[in-house]
Amino acid sequence: MNSEQLSGLGLEPMVTTSELAEYLRVDVQAIYDLRLHDRGPKGVRAGRELRFRVSDVKRWLDALHEPDAHPAIAGGDR
């Protein structure tokens, strides 16, 4: 089923654990380890396999952003 058919059903694309690991350039085991420690993205079980909604992966990645190391000083006051 292609993405056009999925969107027609109101479904969004999903990625496998291997695809997510490849995108992040980490070992598949790193994804499992993150999830084991409740630090990974939410997944959906499809039998023995895990799938990840693209929106869940994006939300997870957004939450990982580190704060700016040097926040801008407003108005130039010191």
PDB file of N, CA and C in Angstrom:
ATOM      1  N   MET A   1       0.850  -1.172   0.000  1.00  0.00           N
ATOM      2  CA  MET A   1       0.000   0.000   0.000  1.00  0.00           C
ATOM      3  C   MET A   1       0.896   1.236   0.000  1.00  0.00           C
ATOM      4  N   ASN A   2       0.665   2.121  -0.933  1.00  0.00           N
ATOM      5  CA  ASN A   2       1.499   3.324  -1.006  1.00  0.00           C
ATOM      6  C   ASN A   2       0.958   4.420  -0.095  1.00  0.00           C
ATOM      7  N   SER A   3       1.736   5.491   0.059  1.00  0.00           N
ATOM      8  CA  SER A   3       1.365   6.556   0.995  1.00  0.00           C
ATOM      9  C   SER A   3       0.078   7.258   0.583  1.00  0.00           C
ATOM     10  N   GLU A   4      -0.212   7.317  -0.708  1.00  0.00           N
ATOM     11  CA  GLU A   4      -1.460   7.939  -1.165  1.00  0.00           C
ATOM     12  C   GLU A   4      -2.666   7.124  -0.699  1.00  0.00           C
ATOM     13  N   GLN A   5      -2.560   5.803  -0.789  1.00  0.00           N
ATOM     14  CA  GLN A   5      -3.642   4.937  -0.322  1.00  0.00           C
ATOM     15  C   GLN A   5      -3.797   5.039   1.196  1.00  0.00           C
ATOM     16  N   LEU A   6      -2.667   5.111   1.909  1.00  0.00           N
ATOM     17  CA  LEU A   6      -2.718   5.234   3.364  1.00  0.00           C
ATOM     18  C   LEU A   6      -3.417   6.513   3.786  1.00  0.00           C
ATOM     19  N   SER A   7      -3.054   7.624   3.149  1.00  0.00           N
ATOM     20  CA  SER A   7      -3.658   8.897   3.532  1.00  0.00           C
ATOM     21  C   SER A   7      -5.147   8.904   3.202  1.00  0.00           C
ATOM     22  N   GLY A   8      -5.555   8.197   2.159  1.00  0.00           N
ATOM     23  CA  GLY A   8      -6.974   8.083   1.824  1.00  0.00           C
ATOM     24  C   GLY A   8      -7.751   7.354   2.899  1.00  0.00           C
ATOM     25  N   LEU A   9      -7.087   6.473   3.630  1.00  0.00           N
ATOM     26  CA  LEU A   9      -7.727   5.748   4.727  1.00  0.00           C
ATOM     27  C   LEU A   9      -7.593   6.480   6.056  1.00  0.00           C
ATOM     28  N   GLY A  10      -6.901   7.605   6.052  1.00  0.00           N
ATOM     29  CA  GLY A  10      -6.667   8.337   7.287  1.00  0.00           C
ATOM     30  C   GLY A  10      -5.512   7.769   8.088  1.00  0.00           C
ATOM     31  N   LEU A  11      -4.687   6.931   7.464  1.00  0.00           N
ATOM     32  CA  LEU A  11      -3.537   6.334   8.137  1.00  0.00           C
ATOM     33  C   LEU A  11      -2.265   7.064   7.741  1.00  0.00           C
ATOM     34  N   GLU A  12      -1.302   7.054   8.643  1.00  0.00           N
ATOM     35  CA  GLU A  12      -0.035   7.698   8.338  1.00  0.00           C
ATOM     36  C   GLU A  12       1.046   6.630   8.121  1.00  0.00           C
ATOM     37  N   PRO A  13       2.115   6.992   7.440  1.00  0.00           N
ATOM     38  CA  PRO A  13       3.198   6.035   7.214  1.00  0.00           C
ATOM     39  C   PRO A  13       3.854   5.624   8.532  1.00  0.00           C
ATOM     40  N   MET A  14       4.389   4.417   8.518  1.00  0.00           N
ATOM     41  CA  MET A  14       5.117   3.899   9.672  1.00  0.00           C
ATOM     42  C   MET A  14       6.467   3.395   9.197  1.00  0.00           C
ATOM     43  N   VAL A  15       7.430   3.356  10.119  1.00  0.00           N
ATOM     44  CA  VAL A  15       8.751   2.825   9.810  1.00  0.00           C
ATOM     45  C   VAL A  15       9.036   1.646  10.727  1.00  0.00           C
ATOM     46  N   THR A  16       9.889   0.754  10.257  1.00  0.00           N
ATOM     47  CA  THR A  16      10.302  -0.386  11.059  1.00  0.00           C
ATOM     48  C   THR A  16      11.435   0.029  11.984  1.00  0.00           C
ATOM     49  N   THR A  17      11.769  -0.838  12.903  1.00  0.00           N
ATOM     50  CA  THR A  17      12.893  -0.577  13.800  1.00  0.00           C
ATOM     51  C   THR A  17      14.175  -0.426  12.997  1.00  0.00           C
ATOM     52  N   SER A  18      14.358  -1.271  11.999  1.00  0.00           N
ATOM     53  CA  SER A  18      15.555  -1.193  11.150  1.00  0.00           C
ATOM     54  C   SER A  18      15.617   0.117  10.381  1.00  0.00           C
ATOM     55  N   GLU A  19      14.475   0.554   9.853  1.00  0.00           N
ATOM     56  CA  GLU A  19      14.447   1.813   9.110  1.00  0.00           C
ATOM     57  C   GLU A  19      14.744   2.998  10.019  1.00  0.00           C
ATOM     58  N   LEU A  20      14.198   2.970  11.229  1.00  0.00           N
ATOM     59  CA  LEU A  20      14.460   4.052  12.180  1.00  0.00           C
ATOM     60  C   LEU A  20      15.935   4.075  12.567  1.00  0.00           C
ATOM     61  N   ALA A  21      16.496   2.911  12.832  1.00  0.00           N
ATOM     62  CA  ALA A  21      17.915   2.827  13.195  1.00  0.00           C
ATOM     63  C   ALA A  21      18.791   3.324  12.048  1.00  0.00           C
ATOM     64  N   GLU A  22      18.442   2.963  10.838  1.00  0.00           N
ATOM     65  CA  GLU A  22      19.217   3.417   9.674  1.00  0.00           C
ATOM     66  C   GLU A  22      19.132   4.936   9.543  1.00  0.00           C
ATOM     67  N   TYR A  23      17.949   5.498   9.719  1.00  0.00           N
ATOM     68  CA  TYR A  23      17.770   6.945   9.631  1.00  0.00           C
ATOM     69  C   TYR A  23      18.615   7.663  10.678  1.00  0.00           C
ATOM     70  N   LEU A  24      18.631   7.122  11.904  1.00  0.00           N
ATOM     71  CA  LEU A  24      19.380   7.743  12.999  1.00  0.00           C
ATOM     72  C   LEU A  24      20.864   7.385  12.989  1.00  0.00           C
ATOM     73  N   ARG A  25      21.234   6.457  12.106  1.00  0.00           N
ATOM     74  CA  ARG A  25      22.614   5.969  11.988  1.00  0.00           C
ATOM     75  C   ARG A  25      23.108   5.368  13.310  1.00  0.00           C
ATOM     76  N   VAL A  26      22.240   4.503  13.875  1.00  0.00           N
ATOM     77  CA  VAL A  26      22.590   3.761  15.085  1.00  0.00           C
ATOM     78  C   VAL A  26      22.271   2.291  14.846  1.00  0.00           C
ATOM     79  N   ASP A  27      22.763   1.431  15.726  1.00  0.00           N
ATOM     80  CA  ASP A  27      22.426   0.013  15.654  1.00  0.00           C
ATOM     81  C   ASP A  27      20.969  -0.181  16.064  1.00  0.00           C
ATOM     82  N   VAL A  28      20.353  -1.209  15.525  1.00  0.00           N
ATOM     83  CA  VAL A  28      18.977  -1.534  15.896  1.00  0.00           C
ATOM     84  C   VAL A  28      18.875  -1.730  17.410  1.00  0.00           C
ATOM     85  N   GLN A  29      19.896  -2.329  18.003  1.00  0.00           N
ATOM     86  CA  GLN A  29      19.885  -2.574  19.438  1.00  0.00           C
ATOM     87  C   GLN A  29      19.768  -1.265  20.231  1.00  0.00           C
ATOM     88  N   ALA A  30      20.307  -0.182  19.694  1.00  0.00           N
ATOM     89  CA  ALA A  30      20.210   1.116  20.373  1.00  0.00           C
ATOM     90  C   ALA A  30      18.751   1.550  20.501  1.00  0.00           C
ATOM     91  N   ILE A  31      17.942   1.265  19.502  1.00  0.00           N
ATOM     92  CA  ILE A  31      16.511   1.603  19.560  1.00  0.00           C
ATOM     93  C   ILE A  31      15.849   0.791  20.668  1.00  0.00           C
ATOM     94  N   TYR A  32      16.149  -0.509  20.704  1.00  0.00           N
ATOM     95  CA  TYR A  32      15.575  -1.359  21.752  1.00  0.00           C
ATOM     96  C   TYR A  32      16.035  -0.912  23.138  1.00  0.00           C
ATOM     97  N   ASP A  33      17.303  -0.554  23.260  1.00  0.00           N
ATOM     98  CA  ASP A  33      17.838  -0.107  24.553  1.00  0.00           C
ATOM     99  C   ASP A  33      17.159   1.181  25.014  1.00  0.00           C
ATOM    100  N   LEU A  34      16.971   2.128  24.105  1.00  0.00           N
ATOM    101  CA  LEU A  34      16.281   3.375  24.452  1.00  0.00           C
ATOM    102  C   LEU A  34      14.868   3.086  24.956  1.00  0.00           C
ATOM    103  N   ARG A  35      14.184   2.194  24.263  1.00  0.00           N
ATOM    104  CA  ARG A  35      12.811   1.860  24.666  1.00  0.00           C
ATOM    105  C   ARG A  35      12.789   1.125  25.999  1.00  0.00           C
ATOM    106  N   LEU A  36      13.781   0.300  26.247  1.00  0.00           N
ATOM    107  CA  LEU A  36      13.875  -0.438  27.506  1.00  0.00           C
ATOM    108  C   LEU A  36      13.946   0.524  28.690  1.00  0.00           C
ATOM    109  N   HIS A  37      14.610   1.649  28.489  1.00  0.00           N
ATOM    110  CA  HIS A  37      14.788   2.647  29.544  1.00  0.00           C
ATOM    111  C   HIS A  37      13.790   3.806  29.417  1.00  0.00           C
ATOM    112  N   ASP A  38      12.684   3.576  28.688  1.00  0.00           N
ATOM    113  CA  ASP A  38      11.627   4.591  28.495  1.00  0.00           C
ATOM    114  C   ASP A  38      12.159   5.901  27.939  1.00  0.00           C
ATOM    115  N   ARG A  39      13.139   5.814  27.052  1.00  0.00           N
ATOM    116  CA  ARG A  39      13.702   7.018  26.434  1.00  0.00           C
ATOM    117  C   ARG A  39      13.541   7.005  24.923  1.00  0.00           C
ATOM    118  N   GLY A  40      12.883   5.981  24.399  1.00  0.00           N
ATOM    119  CA  GLY A  40      12.712   5.846  22.959  1.00  0.00           C
ATOM    120  C   GLY A  40      11.325   6.265  22.513  1.00  0.00           C
ATOM    121  N   PRO A  41      11.100   6.239  21.199  1.00  0.00           N
ATOM    122  CA  PRO A  41       9.790   6.625  20.674  1.00  0.00           C
ATOM    123  C   PRO A  41       8.743   5.552  20.974  1.00  0.00           C
ATOM    124  N   LYS A  42       7.495   5.979  21.006  1.00  0.00           N
ATOM    125  CA  LYS A  42       6.402   5.025  21.171  1.00  0.00           C
ATOM    126  C   LYS A  42       6.314   4.163  19.924  1.00  0.00           C
ATOM    127  N   GLY A  43       6.033   2.890  20.128  1.00  0.00           N
ATOM    128  CA  GLY A  43       5.919   1.974  19.008  1.00  0.00           C
ATOM    129  C   GLY A  43       4.579   1.271  19.002  1.00  0.00           C
ATOM    130  N   VAL A  44       4.319   0.596  17.895  1.00  0.00           N
ATOM    131  CA  VAL A  44       3.101  -0.187  17.723  1.00  0.00           C
ATOM    132  C   VAL A  44       3.533  -1.601  17.390  1.00  0.00           C
ATOM    133  N   ARG A  45       3.036  -2.562  18.134  1.00  0.00           N
ATOM    134  CA  ARG A  45       3.364  -3.961  17.870  1.00  0.00           C
ATOM    135  C   ARG A  45       2.505  -4.481  16.724  1.00  0.00           C
ATOM    136  N   ALA A  46       3.155  -5.105  15.779  1.00  0.00           N
ATOM    137  CA  ALA A  46       2.482  -5.808  14.682  1.00  0.00           C
ATOM    138  C   ALA A  46       3.024  -7.233  14.723  1.00  0.00           C
ATOM    139  N   GLY A  47       2.370  -8.066  15.518  1.00  0.00           N
ATOM    140  CA  GLY A  47       2.905  -9.410  15.750  1.00  0.00           C
ATOM    141  C   GLY A  47       4.146  -9.297  16.617  1.00  0.00           C
ATOM    142  N   ARG A  48       5.253  -9.811  16.123  1.00  0.00           N
ATOM    143  CA  ARG A  48       6.514  -9.734  16.862  1.00  0.00           C
ATOM    144  C   ARG A  48       7.330  -8.507  16.484  1.00  0.00           C
ATOM    145  N   GLU A  49       6.860  -7.780  15.506  1.00  0.00           N
ATOM    146  CA  GLU A  49       7.602  -6.629  15.001  1.00  0.00           C
ATOM    147  C   GLU A  49       7.104  -5.324  15.607  1.00  0.00           C
ATOM    148  N   LEU A  50       7.998  -4.350  15.680  1.00  0.00           N
ATOM    149  CA  LEU A  50       7.637  -3.005  16.116  1.00  0.00           C
ATOM    150  C   LEU A  50       7.589  -2.084  14.911  1.00  0.00           C
ATOM    151  N   ARG A  51       6.614  -1.217  14.907  1.00  0.00           N
ATOM    152  CA  ARG A  51       6.521  -0.167  13.893  1.00  0.00           C
ATOM    153  C   ARG A  51       6.388   1.153  14.638  1.00  0.00           C
ATOM    154  N   PHE A  52       6.824   2.222  13.997  1.00  0.00           N
ATOM    155  CA  PHE A  52       6.781   3.543  14.607  1.00  0.00           C
ATOM    156  C   PHE A  52       6.070   4.503  13.669  1.00  0.00           C
ATOM    157  N   ARG A  53       5.041   5.178  14.200  1.00  0.00           N
ATOM    158  CA  ARG A  53       4.372   6.210  13.396  1.00  0.00           C
ATOM    159  C   ARG A  53       5.360   7.352  13.183  1.00  0.00           C
ATOM    160  N   VAL A  54       5.380   7.872  11.986  1.00  0.00           N
ATOM    161  CA  VAL A  54       6.290   8.967  11.657  1.00  0.00           C
ATOM    162  C   VAL A  54       6.043  10.152  12.586  1.00  0.00           C
ATOM    163  N   SER A  55       4.786  10.447  12.898  1.00  0.00           N
ATOM    164  CA  SER A  55       4.487  11.579  13.781  1.00  0.00           C
ATOM    165  C   SER A  55       5.034  11.344  15.189  1.00  0.00           C
ATOM    166  N   ASP A  56       5.004  10.093  15.675  1.00  0.00           N
ATOM    167  CA  ASP A  56       5.561   9.786  17.001  1.00  0.00           C
ATOM    168  C   ASP A  56       7.072   9.952  17.008  1.00  0.00           C
ATOM    169  N   VAL A  57       7.713   9.550  15.914  1.00  0.00           N
ATOM    170  CA  VAL A  57       9.174   9.698  15.811  1.00  0.00           C
ATOM    171  C   VAL A  57       9.537  11.177  15.787  1.00  0.00           C
ATOM    172  N   LYS A  58       8.803  11.978  15.019  1.00  0.00           N
ATOM    173  CA  LYS A  58       9.074  13.425  14.964  1.00  0.00           C
ATOM    174  C   LYS A  58       8.901  14.073  16.325  1.00  0.00           C
ATOM    175  N   ARG A  59       7.824  13.712  17.029  1.00  0.00           N
ATOM    176  CA  ARG A  59       7.560  14.263  18.356  1.00  0.00           C
ATOM    177  C   ARG A  59       8.677  13.872  19.326  1.00  0.00           C
ATOM    178  N   TRP A  60       9.115  12.633  19.260  1.00  0.00           N
ATOM    179  CA  TRP A  60      10.205  12.130  20.116  1.00  0.00           C
ATOM    180  C   TRP A  60      11.494  12.894  19.825  1.00  0.00           C
ATOM    181  N   LEU A  61      11.819  13.061  18.553  1.00  0.00           N
ATOM    182  CA  LEU A  61      13.041  13.784  18.181  1.00  0.00           C
ATOM    183  C   LEU A  61      12.977  15.241  18.626  1.00  0.00           C
ATOM    184  N   ASP A  62      11.809  15.876  18.473  1.00  0.00           N
ATOM    185  CA  ASP A  62      11.656  17.270  18.915  1.00  0.00           C
ATOM    186  C   ASP A  62      11.907  17.401  20.418  1.00  0.00           C
ATOM    187  N   ALA A  63      11.476  16.401  21.176  1.00  0.00           N
ATOM    188  CA  ALA A  63      11.653  16.438  22.633  1.00  0.00           C
ATOM    189  C   ALA A  63      13.113  16.254  23.041  1.00  0.00           C
ATOM    190  N   LEU A  64      13.940  15.765  22.134  1.00  0.00           N
ATOM    191  CA  LEU A  64      15.353  15.530  22.435  1.00  0.00           C
ATOM    192  C   LEU A  64      16.220  16.772  22.242  1.00  0.00           C
ATOM    193  N   HIS A  65      15.652  17.829  21.670  1.00  0.00           N
ATOM    194  CA  HIS A  65      16.441  19.040  21.423  1.00  0.00           C
ATOM    195  C   HIS A  65      17.037  19.556  22.719  1.00  0.00           C
ATOM    196  N   GLU A  66      18.301  19.887  22.671  1.00  0.00           N
ATOM    197  CA  GLU A  66      18.968  20.484  23.827  1.00  0.00           C
ATOM    198  C   GLU A  66      18.703  21.979  23.821  1.00  0.00           C
ATOM    199  N   PRO A  67      18.662  22.578  24.997  1.00  0.00           N
ATOM    200  CA  PRO A  67      18.474  24.033  25.034  1.00  0.00           C
ATOM    201  C   PRO A  67      19.694  24.737  24.447  1.00  0.00           C
ATOM    202  N   ASP A  68      19.483  25.948  23.976  1.00  0.00           N
ATOM    203  CA  ASP A  68      20.600  26.741  23.445  1.00  0.00           C
ATOM    204  C   ASP A  68      21.639  26.944  24.536  1.00  0.00           C
ATOM    205  N   ALA A  69      22.901  26.774  24.181  1.00  0.00           N
ATOM    206  CA  ALA A  69      23.985  26.927  25.153  1.00  0.00           C
ATOM    207  C   ALA A  69      24.180  28.386  25.552  1.00  0.00           C
ATOM    208  N   HIS A  70      23.950  29.306  24.598  1.00  0.00           N
ATOM    209  CA  HIS A  70      24.151  30.739  24.842  1.00  0.00           C
ATOM    210  C   HIS A  70      22.909  31.493  24.400  1.00  0.00           C
ATOM    211  N   PRO A  71      21.930  31.617  25.285  1.00  0.00           N
ATOM    212  CA  PRO A  71      20.723  32.343  24.875  1.00  0.00           C
ATOM    213  C   PRO A  71      21.039  33.794  24.538  1.00  0.00           C
ATOM    214  N   ALA A  72      20.335  34.309  23.565  1.00  0.00           N
ATOM    215  CA  ALA A  72      20.537  35.703  23.146  1.00  0.00           C
ATOM    216  C   ALA A  72      20.109  36.637  24.266  1.00  0.00           C
ATOM    217  N   ILE A  73      20.839  37.695  24.440  1.00  0.00           N
ATOM    218  CA  ILE A  73      20.517  38.690  25.460  1.00  0.00           C
ATOM    219  C   ILE A  73      19.617  39.730  24.800  1.00  0.00           C
ATOM    220  N   ALA A  74      18.422  39.878  25.344  1.00  0.00           N
ATOM    221  CA  ALA A  74      17.433  40.792  24.767  1.00  0.00           C
ATOM    222  C   ALA A  74      17.854  42.241  24.992  1.00  0.00           C
ATOM    223  N   GLY A  75      17.772  43.038  23.955  1.00  0.00           N
ATOM    224  CA  GLY A  75      18.020  44.474  24.065  1.00  0.00           C
ATOM    225  C   GLY A  75      19.446  44.871  24.302  1.00  0.00           C
ATOM    226  N   GLY A  76      20.380  43.932  24.327  1.00  0.00           N
ATOM    227  CA  GLY A  76      21.776  44.255  24.515  1.00  0.00           C
ATOM    228  C   GLY A  76      22.168  44.623  25.932  1.00  0.00           C
ATOM    229  N   ASP A  77      21.242  44.507  26.907  1.00  0.00           N
ATOM    230  CA  ASP A  77      21.565  44.825  28.301  1.00  0.00           C
ATOM    231  C   ASP A  77      22.457  43.739  28.902  1.00  0.00           C
ATOM    232  N   ARG A  78      23.347  44.163  29.779  1.00  0.00           N
ATOM    233  CA  ARG A  78      24.222  43.191  30.448  1.00  0.00           C
ATOM    234  C   ARG A  78      24.198  43.410  31.912  1.00  0.00           C
TER     235      ARG A  78
END
